[in-house]
Amino acid sequence: MKQAEIKITVQLDDNNVPDNILWESTDAETQEQVPVKSMMLALWDHNYKNSMRIDLWTKDMPVDEMKRFFYETLQTMGDSFLRATGENLIVEDLRDYCAHFADKMGINTKG
């Protein structure tokens, strides 16, 4: 059985606010740590039937990039939900909401 490991390193300032977030994967093309400005990790706890989340962003994450990050996360959640469930109609509703979100946040979705 193949196994991969994902490692996330969060460097904190004196007030425990993320200064840097680095991630690496044993299954990636490069074995180097990759710096990121924001992350969302969601895990499903089968025993308690609830989700566990870690949402972090560095203090220098620009607001316009955070808006784009949320927009793209919502879009890709729709992709994942469609692959997992085949529920096309509700994913179309989510896409409609994503378009509304992008419009309200002033996010350019073309190009």
PDB file of N, CA and C in Angstrom:
ATOM      1  N   MET A   1       0.844  -1.181   0.000  1.00  0.00           N
ATOM      2  CA  MET A   1       0.000   0.000   0.000  1.00  0.00           C
ATOM      3  C   MET A   1       0.887   1.241   0.000  1.00  0.00           C
ATOM      4  N   LYS A   2       0.549   2.182  -0.869  1.00  0.00           N
ATOM      5  CA  LYS A   2       1.284   3.436  -0.939  1.00  0.00           C
ATOM      6  C   LYS A   2       0.874   4.339   0.217  1.00  0.00           C
ATOM      7  N   GLN A   3       1.813   5.116   0.708  1.00  0.00           N
ATOM      8  CA  GLN A   3       1.537   6.044   1.798  1.00  0.00           C
ATOM      9  C   GLN A   3       2.186   7.375   1.484  1.00  0.00           C
ATOM     10  N   ALA A   4       1.502   8.463   1.802  1.00  0.00           N
ATOM     11  CA  ALA A   4       2.045   9.807   1.638  1.00  0.00           C
ATOM     12  C   ALA A   4       1.854  10.559   2.940  1.00  0.00           C
ATOM     13  N   GLU A   5       2.745  11.492   3.168  1.00  0.00           N
ATOM     14  CA  GLU A   5       2.659  12.310   4.381  1.00  0.00           C
ATOM     15  C   GLU A   5       2.634  13.775   3.987  1.00  0.00           C
ATOM     16  N   ILE A   6       1.736  14.523   4.612  1.00  0.00           N
ATOM     17  CA  ILE A   6       1.647  15.965   4.417  1.00  0.00           C
ATOM     18  C   ILE A   6       2.044  16.622   5.729  1.00  0.00           C
ATOM     19  N   LYS A   7       2.951  17.556   5.640  1.00  0.00           N
ATOM     20  CA  LYS A   7       3.433  18.244   6.837  1.00  0.00           C
ATOM     21  C   LYS A   7       3.167  19.739   6.686  1.00  0.00           C
ATOM     22  N   ILE A   8       2.571  20.329   7.710  1.00  0.00           N
ATOM     23  CA  ILE A   8       2.300  21.762   7.740  1.00  0.00           C
ATOM     24  C   ILE A   8       3.041  22.345   8.933  1.00  0.00           C
ATOM     25  N   THR A   9       3.844  23.361   8.672  1.00  0.00           N
ATOM     26  CA  THR A   9       4.593  24.033   9.721  1.00  0.00           C
ATOM     27  C   THR A   9       4.078  25.467   9.823  1.00  0.00           C
ATOM     28  N   VAL A  10       3.676  25.862  11.023  1.00  0.00           N
ATOM     29  CA  VAL A  10       3.179  27.217  11.248  1.00  0.00           C
ATOM     30  C   VAL A  10       4.155  27.921  12.179  1.00  0.00           C
ATOM     31  N   GLN A  11       4.739  28.995  11.686  1.00  0.00           N
ATOM     32  CA  GLN A  11       5.653  29.802  12.492  1.00  0.00           C
ATOM     33  C   GLN A  11       4.851  30.959  13.069  1.00  0.00           C
ATOM     34  N   LEU A  12       4.870  31.085  14.399  1.00  0.00           N
ATOM     35  CA  LEU A  12       4.043  32.061  15.103  1.00  0.00           C
ATOM     36  C   LEU A  12       4.869  33.209  15.649  1.00  0.00           C
ATOM     37  N   ASP A  13       4.243  34.383  15.764  1.00  0.00           N
ATOM     38  CA  ASP A  13       4.904  35.500  16.424  1.00  0.00           C
ATOM     39  C   ASP A  13       4.702  35.377  17.938  1.00  0.00           C
ATOM     40  N   ASP A  14       5.107  36.373  18.679  1.00  0.00           N
ATOM     41  CA  ASP A  14       5.004  36.333  20.147  1.00  0.00           C
ATOM     42  C   ASP A  14       3.550  36.288  20.639  1.00  0.00           C
ATOM     43  N   ASN A  15       2.597  36.692  19.797  1.00  0.00           N
ATOM     44  CA  ASN A  15       1.183  36.675  20.158  1.00  0.00           C
ATOM     45  C   ASN A  15       0.445  35.476  19.562  1.00  0.00           C
ATOM     46  N   ASN A  16       1.200  34.482  19.106  1.00  0.00           N
ATOM     47  CA  ASN A  16       0.650  33.265  18.490  1.00  0.00           C
ATOM     48  C   ASN A  16      -0.138  33.531  17.216  1.00  0.00           C
ATOM     49  N   VAL A  17       0.217  34.591  16.495  1.00  0.00           N
ATOM     50  CA  VAL A  17      -0.371  34.890  15.191  1.00  0.00           C
ATOM     51  C   VAL A  17       0.581  34.337  14.127  1.00  0.00           C
ATOM     52  N   PRO A  18       0.050  33.612  13.138  1.00  0.00           N
ATOM     53  CA  PRO A  18       0.938  33.035  12.125  1.00  0.00           C
ATOM     54  C   PRO A  18       1.740  34.084  11.353  1.00  0.00           C
ATOM     55  N   ASP A  19       3.064  33.922  11.367  1.00  0.00           N
ATOM     56  CA  ASP A  19       3.964  34.726  10.540  1.00  0.00           C
ATOM     57  C   ASP A  19       4.169  34.041   9.190  1.00  0.00           C
ATOM     58  N   ASN A  20       4.340  32.727   9.242  1.00  0.00           N
ATOM     59  CA  ASN A  20       4.576  31.936   8.038  1.00  0.00           C
ATOM     60  C   ASN A  20       3.868  30.596   8.156  1.00  0.00           C
ATOM     61  N   ILE A  21       3.393  30.124   7.026  1.00  0.00           N
ATOM     62  CA  ILE A  21       2.814  28.780   6.931  1.00  0.00           C
ATOM     63  C   ILE A  21       3.555  28.074   5.806  1.00  0.00           C
ATOM     64  N   LEU A  22       4.099  26.917   6.112  1.00  0.00           N
ATOM     65  CA  LEU A  22       4.840  26.131   5.129  1.00  0.00           C
ATOM     66  C   LEU A  22       4.224  24.747   5.045  1.00  0.00           C
ATOM     67  N   TRP A  23       4.151  24.198   3.840  1.00  0.00           N
ATOM     68  CA  TRP A  23       3.643  22.837   3.714  1.00  0.00           C
ATOM     69  C   TRP A  23       4.550  22.059   2.783  1.00  0.00           C
ATOM     70  N   GLU A  24       4.564  20.767   2.996  1.00  0.00           N
ATOM     71  CA  GLU A  24       5.333  19.869   2.148  1.00  0.00           C
ATOM     72  C   GLU A  24       4.641  18.513   2.126  1.00  0.00           C
ATOM     73  N   SER A  25       4.892  17.773   1.065  1.00  0.00           N
ATOM     74  CA  SER A  25       4.278  16.462   0.913  1.00  0.00           C
ATOM     75  C   SER A  25       5.313  15.489   0.371  1.00  0.00           C
ATOM     76  N   THR A  26       5.287  14.285   0.904  1.00  0.00           N
ATOM     77  CA  THR A  26       6.204  13.259   0.404  1.00  0.00           C
ATOM     78  C   THR A  26       5.808  12.807  -0.997  1.00  0.00           C
ATOM     79  N   ASP A  27       4.607  13.154  -1.441  1.00  0.00           N
ATOM     80  CA  ASP A  27       4.107  12.749  -2.753  1.00  0.00           C
ATOM     81  C   ASP A  27       4.215  13.866  -3.789  1.00  0.00           C
ATOM     82  N   ALA A  28       4.775  15.015  -3.398  1.00  0.00           N
ATOM     83  CA  ALA A  28       4.883  16.161  -4.306  1.00  0.00           C
ATOM     84  C   ALA A  28       6.073  15.992  -5.248  1.00  0.00           C
ATOM     85  N   GLU A  29       6.052  16.751  -6.334  1.00  0.00           N
ATOM     86  CA  GLU A  29       7.167  16.712  -7.278  1.00  0.00           C
ATOM     87  C   GLU A  29       8.448  17.214  -6.634  1.00  0.00           C
ATOM     88  N   THR A  30       8.338  18.213  -5.787  1.00  0.00           N
ATOM     89  CA  THR A  30       9.494  18.746  -5.075  1.00  0.00           C
ATOM     90  C   THR A  30       9.354  18.427  -3.593  1.00  0.00           C
ATOM     91  N   GLN A  31      10.437  18.194  -2.937  1.00  0.00           N
ATOM     92  CA  GLN A  31      10.397  17.886  -1.506  1.00  0.00           C
ATOM     93  C   GLN A  31      10.652  19.122  -0.651  1.00  0.00           C
ATOM     94  N   GLU A  32      10.610  20.286  -1.276  1.00  0.00           N
ATOM     95  CA  GLU A  32      10.849  21.530  -0.547  1.00  0.00           C
ATOM     96  C   GLU A  32       9.591  22.001   0.165  1.00  0.00           C
ATOM     97  N   GLN A  33       9.798  22.758   1.245  1.00  0.00           N
ATOM     98  CA  GLN A  33       8.666  23.388   1.916  1.00  0.00           C
ATOM     99  C   GLN A  33       8.160  24.532   1.042  1.00  0.00           C
ATOM    100  N   VAL A  34       6.848  24.618   0.893  1.00  0.00           N
ATOM    101  CA  VAL A  34       6.233  25.649   0.062  1.00  0.00           C
ATOM    102  C   VAL A  34       5.540  26.651   0.976  1.00  0.00           C
ATOM    103  N   PRO A  35       5.893  27.937   0.879  1.00  0.00           N
ATOM    104  CA  PRO A  35       5.223  28.938   1.714  1.00  0.00           C
ATOM    105  C   PRO A  35       3.847  29.275   1.155  1.00  0.00           C
ATOM    106  N   VAL A  36       2.870  29.430   2.060  1.00  0.00           N
ATOM    107  CA  VAL A  36       1.514  29.850   1.699  1.00  0.00           C
ATOM    108  C   VAL A  36       1.066  30.930   2.668  1.00  0.00           C
ATOM    109  N   LYS A  37       0.063  31.693   2.274  1.00  0.00           N
ATOM    110  CA  LYS A  37      -0.447  32.768   3.122  1.00  0.00           C
ATOM    111  C   LYS A  37      -1.691  32.371   3.899  1.00  0.00           C
ATOM    112  N   SER A  38      -2.379  31.323   3.437  1.00  0.00           N
ATOM    113  CA  SER A  38      -3.618  30.925   4.095  1.00  0.00           C
ATOM    114  C   SER A  38      -3.865  29.448   3.869  1.00  0.00           C
ATOM    115  N   MET A  39      -4.605  28.821   4.793  1.00  0.00           N
ATOM    116  CA  MET A  39      -4.955  27.413   4.642  1.00  0.00           C
ATOM    117  C   MET A  39      -6.273  27.132   5.332  1.00  0.00           C
ATOM    118  N   MET A  40      -6.990  26.155   4.798  1.00  0.00           N
ATOM    119  CA  MET A  40      -8.201  25.639   5.422  1.00  0.00           C
ATOM    120  C   MET A  40      -8.087  24.125   5.377  1.00  0.00           C
ATOM    121  N   LEU A  41      -8.194  23.514   6.521  1.00  0.00           N
ATOM    122  CA  LEU A  41      -8.124  22.064   6.617  1.00  0.00           C
ATOM    123  C   LEU A  41      -9.390  21.585   7.300  1.00  0.00           C
ATOM    124  N   ALA A  42     -10.114  20.696   6.632  1.00  0.00           N
ATOM    125  CA  ALA A  42     -11.335  20.148   7.202  1.00  0.00           C
ATOM    126  C   ALA A  42     -11.204  18.634   7.266  1.00  0.00           C
ATOM    127  N   LEU A  43     -11.519  18.075   8.411  1.00  0.00           N
ATOM    128  CA  LEU A  43     -11.447  16.637   8.635  1.00  0.00           C
ATOM    129  C   LEU A  43     -12.787  16.153   9.153  1.00  0.00           C
ATOM    130  N   TRP A  44     -13.197  14.952   8.746  1.00  0.00           N
ATOM    131  CA  TRP A  44     -14.459  14.383   9.207  1.00  0.00           C
ATOM    132  C   TRP A  44     -14.192  13.361  10.299  1.00  0.00           C
ATOM    133  N   ASP A  45     -14.776  13.565  11.461  1.00  0.00           N
ATOM    134  CA  ASP A  45     -14.669  12.621  12.571  1.00  0.00           C
ATOM    135  C   ASP A  45     -15.850  11.656  12.486  1.00  0.00           C
ATOM    136  N   HIS A  46     -15.575  10.453  12.027  1.00  0.00           N
ATOM    137  CA  HIS A  46     -16.613   9.445  11.824  1.00  0.00           C
ATOM    138  C   HIS A  46     -17.279   9.039  13.146  1.00  0.00           C
ATOM    139  N   ASN A  47     -16.512   8.974  14.210  1.00  0.00           N
ATOM    140  CA  ASN A  47     -17.067   8.543  15.494  1.00  0.00           C
ATOM    141  C   ASN A  47     -18.065   9.545  16.067  1.00  0.00           C
ATOM    142  N   TYR A  48     -17.737  10.833  15.985  1.00  0.00           N
ATOM    143  CA  TYR A  48     -18.608  11.867  16.545  1.00  0.00           C
ATOM    144  C   TYR A  48     -19.524  12.497  15.505  1.00  0.00           C
ATOM    145  N   LYS A  49     -19.360  12.116  14.236  1.00  0.00           N
ATOM    146  CA  LYS A  49     -20.178  12.626  13.132  1.00  0.00           C
ATOM    147  C   LYS A  49     -20.159  14.157  13.062  1.00  0.00           C
ATOM    148  N   ASN A  50     -18.952  14.696  13.106  1.00  0.00           N
ATOM    149  CA  ASN A  50     -18.810  16.137  12.934  1.00  0.00           C
ATOM    150  C   ASN A  50     -17.474  16.452  12.273  1.00  0.00           C
ATOM    151  N   SER A  51     -17.364  17.685  11.815  1.00  0.00           N
ATOM    152  CA  SER A  51     -16.125  18.098  11.164  1.00  0.00           C
ATOM    153  C   SER A  51     -15.240  18.848  12.147  1.00  0.00           C
ATOM    154  N   MET A  52     -13.964  18.727  11.889  1.00  0.00           N
ATOM    155  CA  MET A  52     -12.953  19.457  12.647  1.00  0.00           C
ATOM    156  C   MET A  52     -12.212  20.324  11.642  1.00  0.00           C
ATOM    157  N   ARG A  53     -11.965  21.565  11.994  1.00  0.00           N
ATOM    158  CA  ARG A  53     -11.367  22.494  11.038  1.00  0.00           C
ATOM    159  C   ARG A  53     -10.205  23.251  11.642  1.00  0.00           C
ATOM    160  N   ILE A  54      -9.279  23.565  10.774  1.00  0.00           N
ATOM    161  CA  ILE A  54      -8.198  24.487  11.100  1.00  0.00           C
ATOM    162  C   ILE A  54      -8.155  25.503   9.970  1.00  0.00           C
ATOM    163  N   ASP A  55      -8.432  26.751  10.273  1.00  0.00           N
ATOM    164  CA  ASP A  55      -8.362  27.851   9.308  1.00  0.00           C
ATOM    165  C   ASP A  55      -7.309  28.822   9.813  1.00  0.00           C
ATOM    166  N   LEU A  56      -6.264  29.007   9.034  1.00  0.00           N
ATOM    167  CA  LEU A  56      -5.184  29.901   9.431  1.00  0.00           C
ATOM    168  C   LEU A  56      -4.797  30.801   8.262  1.00  0.00           C
ATOM    169  N   TRP A  57      -4.350  32.001   8.578  1.00  0.00           N
ATOM    170  CA  TRP A  57      -3.784  32.879   7.573  1.00  0.00           C
ATOM    171  C   TRP A  57      -2.734  33.738   8.246  1.00  0.00           C
ATOM    172  N   THR A  58      -1.746  34.122   7.469  1.00  0.00           N
ATOM    173  CA  THR A  58      -0.670  34.950   8.006  1.00  0.00           C
ATOM    174  C   THR A  58      -1.160  36.384   8.137  1.00  0.00           C
ATOM    175  N   LYS A  59      -0.510  37.113   9.010  1.00  0.00           N
ATOM    176  CA  LYS A  59      -0.953  38.486   9.254  1.00  0.00           C
ATOM    177  C   LYS A  59      -0.720  39.394   8.052  1.00  0.00           C
ATOM    178  N   ASP A  60       0.105  38.952   7.094  1.00  0.00           N
ATOM    179  CA  ASP A  60       0.316  39.763   5.901  1.00  0.00           C
ATOM    180  C   ASP A  60      -0.476  39.260   4.684  1.00  0.00           C
ATOM    181  N   MET A  61      -1.487  38.421   4.927  1.00  0.00           N
ATOM    182  CA  MET A  61      -2.364  37.955   3.849  1.00  0.00           C
ATOM    183  C   MET A  61      -3.234  39.124   3.402  1.00  0.00           C
ATOM    184  N   PRO A  62      -3.105  39.561   2.146  1.00  0.00           N
ATOM    185  CA  PRO A  62      -3.915  40.688   1.670  1.00  0.00           C
ATOM    186  C   PRO A  62      -5.404  40.331   1.615  1.00  0.00           C
ATOM    187  N   VAL A  63      -6.255  41.294   1.925  1.00  0.00           N
ATOM    188  CA  VAL A  63      -7.691  41.059   1.957  1.00  0.00           C
ATOM    189  C   VAL A  63      -8.204  40.640   0.580  1.00  0.00           C
ATOM    190  N   ASP A  64      -7.707  41.256  -0.489  1.00  0.00           N
ATOM    191  CA  ASP A  64      -8.181  40.873  -1.823  1.00  0.00           C
ATOM    192  C   ASP A  64      -7.821  39.420  -2.143  1.00  0.00           C
ATOM    193  N   GLU A  65      -6.661  38.962  -1.684  1.00  0.00           N
ATOM    194  CA  GLU A  65      -6.287  37.559  -1.886  1.00  0.00           C
ATOM    195  C   GLU A  65      -7.132  36.632  -1.005  1.00  0.00           C
ATOM    196  N   MET A  66      -7.505  37.091   0.197  1.00  0.00           N
ATOM    197  CA  MET A  66      -8.365  36.281   1.064  1.00  0.00           C
ATOM    198  C   MET A  66      -9.736  36.101   0.413  1.00  0.00           C
ATOM    199  N   LYS A  67     -10.270  37.163  -0.175  1.00  0.00           N
ATOM    200  CA  LYS A  67     -11.548  37.059  -0.876  1.00  0.00           C
ATOM    201  C   LYS A  67     -11.450  36.039  -2.013  1.00  0.00           C
ATOM    202  N   ARG A  68     -10.373  36.117  -2.779  1.00  0.00           N
ATOM    203  CA  ARG A  68     -10.172  35.182  -3.890  1.00  0.00           C
ATOM    204  C   ARG A  68     -10.011  33.756  -3.379  1.00  0.00           C
ATOM    205  N   PHE A  69      -9.281  33.609  -2.278  1.00  0.00           N
ATOM    206  CA  PHE A  69      -9.080  32.292  -1.670  1.00  0.00           C
ATOM    207  C   PHE A  69     -10.416  31.663  -1.268  1.00  0.00           C
ATOM    208  N   PHE A  70     -11.285  32.445  -0.629  1.00  0.00           N
ATOM    209  CA  PHE A  70     -12.605  31.930  -0.256  1.00  0.00           C
ATOM    210  C   PHE A  70     -13.415  31.562  -1.492  1.00  0.00           C
ATOM    211  N   TYR A  71     -13.401  32.423  -2.503  1.00  0.00           N
ATOM    212  CA  TYR A  71     -14.127  32.142  -3.736  1.00  0.00           C
ATOM    213  C   TYR A  71     -13.650  30.830  -4.358  1.00  0.00           C
ATOM    214  N   GLU A  72     -12.354  30.674  -4.518  1.00  0.00           N
ATOM    215  CA  GLU A  72     -11.822  29.454  -5.134  1.00  0.00           C
ATOM    216  C   GLU A  72     -12.078  28.226  -4.266  1.00  0.00           C
ATOM    217  N   THR A  73     -12.048  28.390  -2.950  1.00  0.00           N
ATOM    218  CA  THR A  73     -12.339  27.268  -2.053  1.00  0.00           C
ATOM    219  C   THR A  73     -13.786  26.822  -2.211  1.00  0.00           C
ATOM    220  N   LEU A  74     -14.703  27.766  -2.271  1.00  0.00           N
ATOM    221  CA  LEU A  74     -16.115  27.424  -2.490  1.00  0.00           C
ATOM    222  C   LEU A  74     -16.300  26.701  -3.827  1.00  0.00           C
ATOM    223  N   GLN A  75     -15.632  27.197  -4.870  1.00  0.00           N
ATOM    224  CA  GLN A  75     -15.735  26.562  -6.187  1.00  0.00           C
ATOM    225  C   GLN A  75     -15.220  25.120  -6.148  1.00  0.00           C
ATOM    226  N   THR A  76     -14.062  24.924  -5.548  1.00  0.00           N
ATOM    227  CA  THR A  76     -13.486  23.574  -5.533  1.00  0.00           C
ATOM    228  C   THR A  76     -14.241  22.645  -4.586  1.00  0.00           C
ATOM    229  N   MET A  77     -14.888  23.198  -3.553  1.00  0.00           N
ATOM    230  CA  MET A  77     -15.749  22.365  -2.714  1.00  0.00           C
ATOM    231  C   MET A  77     -16.910  21.834  -3.541  1.00  0.00           C
ATOM    232  N   GLY A  78     -17.426  22.647  -4.453  1.00  0.00           N
ATOM    233  CA  GLY A  78     -18.475  22.193  -5.353  1.00  0.00           C
ATOM    234  C   GLY A  78     -17.984  21.055  -6.237  1.00  0.00           C
ATOM    235  N   ASP A  79     -16.765  21.188  -6.773  1.00  0.00           N
ATOM    236  CA  ASP A  79     -16.182  20.117  -7.592  1.00  0.00           C
ATOM    237  C   ASP A  79     -16.075  18.826  -6.794  1.00  0.00           C
ATOM    238  N   SER A  80     -15.565  18.936  -5.579  1.00  0.00           N
ATOM    239  CA  SER A  80     -15.392  17.752  -4.727  1.00  0.00           C
ATOM    240  C   SER A  80     -16.734  17.126  -4.374  1.00  0.00           C
ATOM    241  N   PHE A  81     -17.716  17.966  -4.038  1.00  0.00           N
ATOM    242  CA  PHE A  81     -19.032  17.455  -3.669  1.00  0.00           C
ATOM    243  C   PHE A  81     -19.677  16.720  -4.844  1.00  0.00           C
ATOM    244  N   LEU A  82     -19.519  17.272  -6.046  1.00  0.00           N
ATOM    245  CA  LEU A  82     -20.071  16.624  -7.234  1.00  0.00           C
ATOM    246  C   LEU A  82     -19.422  15.263  -7.468  1.00  0.00           C
ATOM    247  N   ARG A  83     -18.097  15.199  -7.361  1.00  0.00           N
ATOM    248  CA  ARG A  83     -17.395  13.917  -7.531  1.00  0.00           C
ATOM    249  C   ARG A  83     -17.798  12.913  -6.463  1.00  0.00           C
ATOM    250  N   ALA A  84     -18.018  13.382  -5.240  1.00  0.00           N
ATOM    251  CA  ALA A  84     -18.319  12.474  -4.131  1.00  0.00           C
ATOM    252  C   ALA A  84     -19.769  11.993  -4.141  1.00  0.00           C
ATOM    253  N   THR A  85     -20.686  12.845  -4.601  1.00  0.00           N
ATOM    254  CA  THR A  85     -22.109  12.513  -4.463  1.00  0.00           C
ATOM    255  C   THR A  85     -22.872  12.422  -5.775  1.00  0.00           C
ATOM    256  N   GLY A  86     -22.377  13.048  -6.829  1.00  0.00           N
ATOM    257  CA  GLY A  86     -23.105  13.101  -8.088  1.00  0.00           C
ATOM    258  C   GLY A  86     -24.294  14.051  -8.059  1.00  0.00           C
ATOM    259  N   GLU A  87     -24.423  14.849  -7.011  1.00  0.00           N
ATOM    260  CA  GLU A  87     -25.559  15.771  -6.830  1.00  0.00           C
ATOM    261  C   GLU A  87     -25.363  17.040  -7.667  1.00  0.00           C
ATOM    262  N   ASN A  88     -25.665  16.951  -8.951  1.00  0.00           N
ATOM    263  CA  ASN A  88     -25.411  18.036  -9.883  1.00  0.00           C
ATOM    264  C   ASN A  88     -26.271  19.274  -9.615  1.00  0.00           C
ATOM    265  N   LEU A  89     -27.543  19.095  -9.279  1.00  0.00           N
ATOM    266  CA  LEU A  89     -28.440  20.237  -9.108  1.00  0.00           C
ATOM    267  C   LEU A  89     -28.001  21.162  -7.981  1.00  0.00           C
ATOM    268  N   ILE A  90     -27.611  20.603  -6.857  1.00  0.00           N
ATOM    269  CA  ILE A  90     -27.196  21.456  -5.739  1.00  0.00           C
ATOM    270  C   ILE A  90     -25.846  22.113  -6.026  1.00  0.00           C
ATOM    271  N   VAL A  91     -25.002  21.434  -6.795  1.00  0.00           N
ATOM    272  CA  VAL A  91     -23.720  22.039  -7.175  1.00  0.00           C
ATOM    273  C   VAL A  91     -23.963  23.216  -8.119  1.00  0.00           C
ATOM    274  N   GLU A  92     -24.964  23.116  -8.983  1.00  0.00           N
ATOM    275  CA  GLU A  92     -25.322  24.264  -9.820  1.00  0.00           C
ATOM    276  C   GLU A  92     -25.754  25.440  -8.945  1.00  0.00           C
ATOM    277  N   ASP A  93     -26.504  25.154  -7.879  1.00  0.00           N
ATOM    278  CA  ASP A  93     -26.891  26.220  -6.942  1.00  0.00           C
ATOM    279  C   ASP A  93     -25.658  26.834  -6.282  1.00  0.00           C
ATOM    280  N   LEU A  94     -24.715  25.998  -5.901  1.00  0.00           N
ATOM    281  CA  LEU A  94     -23.485  26.505  -5.288  1.00  0.00           C
ATOM    282  C   LEU A  94     -22.715  27.370  -6.284  1.00  0.00           C
ATOM    283  N   ARG A  95     -22.642  26.954  -7.534  1.00  0.00           N
ATOM    284  CA  ARG A  95     -21.978  27.760  -8.567  1.00  0.00           C
ATOM    285  C   ARG A  95     -22.666  29.129  -8.703  1.00  0.00           C
ATOM    286  N   ASP A  96     -24.008  29.130  -8.657  1.00  0.00           N
ATOM    287  CA  ASP A  96     -24.739  30.398  -8.708  1.00  0.00           C
ATOM    288  C   ASP A  96     -24.348  31.286  -7.530  1.00  0.00           C
ATOM    289  N   TYR A  97     -24.262  30.679  -6.341  1.00  0.00           N
ATOM    290  CA  TYR A  97     -23.856  31.461  -5.175  1.00  0.00           C
ATOM    291  C   TYR A  97     -22.422  31.976  -5.338  1.00  0.00           C
ATOM    292  N   CYS A  98     -21.537  31.148  -5.875  1.00  0.00           N
ATOM    293  CA  CYS A  98     -20.147  31.573  -6.078  1.00  0.00           C
ATOM    294  C   CYS A  98     -20.086  32.782  -7.012  1.00  0.00           C
ATOM    295  N   ALA A  99     -20.906  32.777  -8.054  1.00  0.00           N
ATOM    296  CA  ALA A  99     -20.952  33.925  -8.961  1.00  0.00           C
ATOM    297  C   ALA A  99     -21.440  35.164  -8.210  1.00  0.00           C
ATOM    298  N   HIS A 100     -22.451  34.998  -7.361  1.00  0.00           N
ATOM    299  CA  HIS A 100     -22.965  36.099  -6.538  1.00  0.00           C
ATOM    300  C   HIS A 100     -21.877  36.600  -5.580  1.00  0.00           C
ATOM    301  N   PHE A 101     -21.188  35.678  -4.928  1.00  0.00           N
ATOM    302  CA  PHE A 101     -20.102  36.018  -4.006  1.00  0.00           C
ATOM    303  C   PHE A 101     -19.027  36.820  -4.735  1.00  0.00           C
ATOM    304  N   ALA A 102     -18.612  36.336  -5.902  1.00  0.00           N
ATOM    305  CA  ALA A 102     -17.578  37.017  -6.677  1.00  0.00           C
ATOM    306  C   ALA A 102     -18.019  38.411  -7.048  1.00  0.00           C
ATOM    307  N   ASP A 103     -19.268  38.556  -7.450  1.00  0.00           N
ATOM    308  CA  ASP A 103     -19.796  39.864  -7.813  1.00  0.00           C
ATOM    309  C   ASP A 103     -19.780  40.805  -6.617  1.00  0.00           C
ATOM    310  N   LYS A 104     -20.272  40.335  -5.478  1.00  0.00           N
ATOM    311  CA  LYS A 104     -20.323  41.178  -4.260  1.00  0.00           C
ATOM    312  C   LYS A 104     -18.936  41.540  -3.744  1.00  0.00           C
ATOM    313  N   MET A 105     -17.954  40.652  -3.937  1.00  0.00           N
ATOM    314  CA  MET A 105     -16.600  40.898  -3.456  1.00  0.00           C
ATOM    315  C   MET A 105     -15.713  41.583  -4.483  1.00  0.00           C
ATOM    316  N   GLY A 106     -16.256  41.799  -5.683  1.00  0.00           N
ATOM    317  CA  GLY A 106     -15.467  42.459  -6.735  1.00  0.00           C
ATOM    318  C   GLY A 106     -14.330  41.594  -7.268  1.00  0.00           C
ATOM    319  N   ILE A 107     -14.570  40.291  -7.309  1.00  0.00           N
ATOM    320  CA  ILE A 107     -13.546  39.344  -7.765  1.00  0.00           C
ATOM    321  C   ILE A 107     -13.704  39.139  -9.269  1.00  0.00           C
ATOM    322  N   ASN A 108     -12.621  39.350 -10.014  1.00  0.00           N
ATOM    323  CA  ASN A 108     -12.628  39.117 -11.444  1.00  0.00           C
ATOM    324  C   ASN A 108     -12.442  37.624 -11.683  1.00  0.00           C
ATOM    325  N   THR A 109     -13.462  36.975 -12.226  1.00  0.00           N
ATOM    326  CA  THR A 109     -13.400  35.523 -12.437  1.00  0.00           C
ATOM    327  C   THR A 109     -13.015  35.181 -13.872  1.00  0.00           C
ATOM    328  N   LYS A 110     -12.767  36.159 -14.703  1.00  0.00           N
ATOM    329  CA  LYS A 110     -12.366  35.909 -16.090  1.00  0.00           C
ATOM    330  C   LYS A 110     -10.851  36.023 -16.211  1.00  0.00           C
ATOM    331  N   GLY A 111     -10.263  35.046 -16.872  1.00  0.00           N
ATOM    332  CA  GLY A 111      -8.832  35.114 -17.139  1.00  0.00           C
ATOM    333  C   GLY A 111      -7.942  34.649 -16.080  1.00  0.00           C
TER     334      GLY A 111
END
